[in-house]
Amino acid sequence: MVFYIHFFKEVIVYMARVCAICGKGRGVGYKISHAHNRTKKVWKPNLQRVKAIQQGTVRRIYVCTRCLRTGLVTKAYREKVARETSV
């Protein structure tokens, strides 16, 4: 996650393979065989690309399934559905 200011507006840029909500990234370690040979292994988080409301605007962000399941993400529904529910 990188923060920078651009024309008096704070912009948040998220890197790939990182959850935009909790910041969960890849995990690294060793895969150990029965003979105890160690090879490097990377565990990637289960990220989903979701249309969500973030800072008052609709954006596509990468969110891990844990954040989706616990309801930390406000999904952006289609304009038609949002209009029907507001009536």
C-alpha atoms as a PDB file:
ATOM      1  CA  MET A   1       0.000   0.000   0.000  1.00  0.00           C
ATOM      2  CA  VAL A   2       1.448   3.341  -1.080  1.00  0.00           C
ATOM      3  CA  PHE A   3       0.202   6.742   0.007  1.00  0.00           C
ATOM      4  CA  TYR A   4       1.044   9.892  -1.920  1.00  0.00           C
ATOM      5  CA  ILE A   5      -0.487  13.322  -2.441  1.00  0.00           C
ATOM      6  CA  HIS A   6      -1.369  14.425  -5.964  1.00  0.00           C
ATOM      7  CA  PHE A   7      -2.677  17.960  -6.541  1.00  0.00           C
ATOM      8  CA  PHE A   8      -3.844  18.380  -2.941  1.00  0.00           C
ATOM      9  CA  LYS A   9      -5.724  15.091  -3.054  1.00  0.00           C
ATOM     10  CA  GLU A  10      -4.613  11.988  -1.193  1.00  0.00           C
ATOM     11  CA  VAL A  11      -4.511   8.955  -3.441  1.00  0.00           C
ATOM     12  CA  ILE A  12      -4.190   5.382  -2.218  1.00  0.00           C
ATOM     13  CA  VAL A  13      -2.548   2.910  -4.566  1.00  0.00           C
ATOM     14  CA  TYR A  14      -2.663  -0.789  -3.715  1.00  0.00           C
ATOM     15  CA  MET A  15      -0.169  -3.275  -5.025  1.00  0.00           C
ATOM     16  CA  ALA A  16      -1.180  -6.475  -6.742  1.00  0.00           C
ATOM     17  CA  ARG A  17      -1.858  -9.589  -4.676  1.00  0.00           C
ATOM     18  CA  VAL A  18      -2.617  -7.563  -1.556  1.00  0.00           C
ATOM     19  CA  CYS A  19      -6.059  -7.193   0.016  1.00  0.00           C
ATOM     20  CA  ALA A  20      -7.254  -3.572  -0.137  1.00  0.00           C
ATOM     21  CA  ILE A  21      -9.065  -3.870   3.215  1.00  0.00           C
ATOM     22  CA  CYS A  22      -6.866  -5.846   5.599  1.00  0.00           C
ATOM     23  CA  GLY A  23      -3.556  -5.762   3.716  1.00  0.00           C
ATOM     24  CA  LYS A  24      -3.146  -9.527   3.629  1.00  0.00           C
ATOM     25  CA  GLY A  25      -0.357 -10.436   1.227  1.00  0.00           C
ATOM     26  CA  ARG A  26       1.592 -13.466   0.229  1.00  0.00           C
ATOM     27  CA  GLY A  27       3.142 -15.777   2.772  1.00  0.00           C
ATOM     28  CA  VAL A  28       6.560 -17.303   2.221  1.00  0.00           C
ATOM     29  CA  GLY A  29       8.175 -20.370   3.716  1.00  0.00           C
ATOM     30  CA  TYR A  30       9.563 -23.785   2.949  1.00  0.00           C
ATOM     31  CA  LYS A  31       7.967 -26.897   1.526  1.00  0.00           C
ATOM     32  CA  ILE A  32       9.631 -29.730   3.414  1.00  0.00           C
ATOM     33  CA  SER A  33       9.734 -33.201   1.912  1.00  0.00           C
ATOM     34  CA  HIS A  34       9.864 -36.485   3.818  1.00  0.00           C
ATOM     35  CA  ALA A  35      13.640 -36.502   3.326  1.00  0.00           C
ATOM     36  CA  HIS A  36      13.650 -32.975   4.804  1.00  0.00           C
ATOM     37  CA  ASN A  37      14.648 -31.312   1.540  1.00  0.00           C
ATOM     38  CA  ARG A  38      13.573 -27.679   1.730  1.00  0.00           C
ATOM     39  CA  THR A  39      12.338 -25.744  -1.285  1.00  0.00           C
ATOM     40  CA  LYS A  40      10.921 -22.233  -1.144  1.00  0.00           C
ATOM     41  CA  LYS A  41       7.158 -21.892  -1.426  1.00  0.00           C
ATOM     42  CA  VAL A  42       4.747 -18.947  -1.710  1.00  0.00           C
ATOM     43  CA  TRP A  43       1.162 -19.017  -0.398  1.00  0.00           C
ATOM     44  CA  LYS A  44      -1.022 -16.459  -2.176  1.00  0.00           C
ATOM     45  CA  PRO A  45      -4.200 -15.038  -0.614  1.00  0.00           C
ATOM     46  CA  ASN A  46      -7.544 -15.792  -2.230  1.00  0.00           C
ATOM     47  CA  LEU A  47      -8.263 -12.365  -3.740  1.00  0.00           C
ATOM     48  CA  GLN A  48     -11.423 -11.448  -5.614  1.00  0.00           C
ATOM     49  CA  ARG A  49     -11.903  -8.378  -7.807  1.00  0.00           C
ATOM     50  CA  VAL A  50     -14.993  -6.605  -6.486  1.00  0.00           C
ATOM     51  CA  LYS A  51     -16.847  -3.400  -7.280  1.00  0.00           C
ATOM     52  CA  ALA A  52     -17.008  -1.644  -3.936  1.00  0.00           C
ATOM     53  CA  ILE A  53     -17.766   1.774  -2.517  1.00  0.00           C
ATOM     54  CA  GLN A  54     -14.520   3.214  -1.177  1.00  0.00           C
ATOM     55  CA  GLN A  55     -14.164   6.835  -0.027  1.00  0.00           C
ATOM     56  CA  GLY A  56     -17.529   7.695  -1.564  1.00  0.00           C
ATOM     57  CA  THR A  57     -16.719   6.443  -5.059  1.00  0.00           C
ATOM     58  CA  VAL A  58     -17.252   3.124  -6.802  1.00  0.00           C
ATOM     59  CA  ARG A  59     -13.982   1.320  -7.483  1.00  0.00           C
ATOM     60  CA  ARG A  60     -12.819  -2.121  -8.453  1.00  0.00           C
ATOM     61  CA  ILE A  61     -10.568  -3.394  -5.704  1.00  0.00           C
ATOM     62  CA  TYR A  62      -8.941  -6.680  -4.816  1.00  0.00           C
ATOM     63  CA  VAL A  63     -10.383  -8.070  -1.578  1.00  0.00           C
ATOM     64  CA  CYS A  64      -9.607 -11.340   0.203  1.00  0.00           C
ATOM     65  CA  THR A  65     -12.460 -13.766   0.801  1.00  0.00           C
ATOM     66  CA  ARG A  66     -12.191 -13.348   4.570  1.00  0.00           C
ATOM     67  CA  CYS A  67     -13.050  -9.631   4.286  1.00  0.00           C
ATOM     68  CA  LEU A  68     -15.922 -10.415   1.900  1.00  0.00           C
ATOM     69  CA  ARG A  69     -17.298 -13.079   4.216  1.00  0.00           C
ATOM     70  CA  THR A  70     -17.170 -10.934   7.359  1.00  0.00           C
ATOM     71  CA  GLY A  71     -18.885  -7.997   5.650  1.00  0.00           C
ATOM     72  CA  LEU A  72     -16.034  -5.488   5.759  1.00  0.00           C
ATOM     73  CA  VAL A  73     -16.721  -4.502   2.143  1.00  0.00           C
ATOM     74  CA  THR A  74     -19.638  -2.342   0.991  1.00  0.00           C
ATOM     75  CA  LYS A  75     -20.449  -3.728  -2.428  1.00  0.00           C
ATOM     76  CA  ALA A  76     -21.611  -1.352  -5.139  1.00  0.00           C
ATOM     77  CA  TYR A  77     -24.763  -2.632  -6.746  1.00  0.00           C
ATOM     78  CA  ARG A  78     -26.083  -1.583 -10.093  1.00  0.00           C
ATOM     79  CA  GLU A  79     -27.730   1.794 -10.295  1.00  0.00           C
ATOM     80  CA  LYS A  80     -31.091   0.199 -11.098  1.00  0.00           C
ATOM     81  CA  VAL A  81     -31.096  -1.929  -7.954  1.00  0.00           C
ATOM     82  CA  ALA A  82     -30.002   0.992  -5.800  1.00  0.00           C
ATOM     83  CA  ARG A  83     -32.752   3.193  -7.250  1.00  0.00           C
ATOM     84  CA  GLU A  84     -35.475   0.576  -6.536  1.00  0.00           C
ATOM     85  CA  THR A  85     -34.412   0.130  -2.917  1.00  0.00           C
ATOM     86  CA  SER A  86     -34.352   3.875  -2.244  1.00  0.00           C
ATOM     87  CA  VAL A  87     -38.013   4.293  -3.370  1.00  0.00           C
END
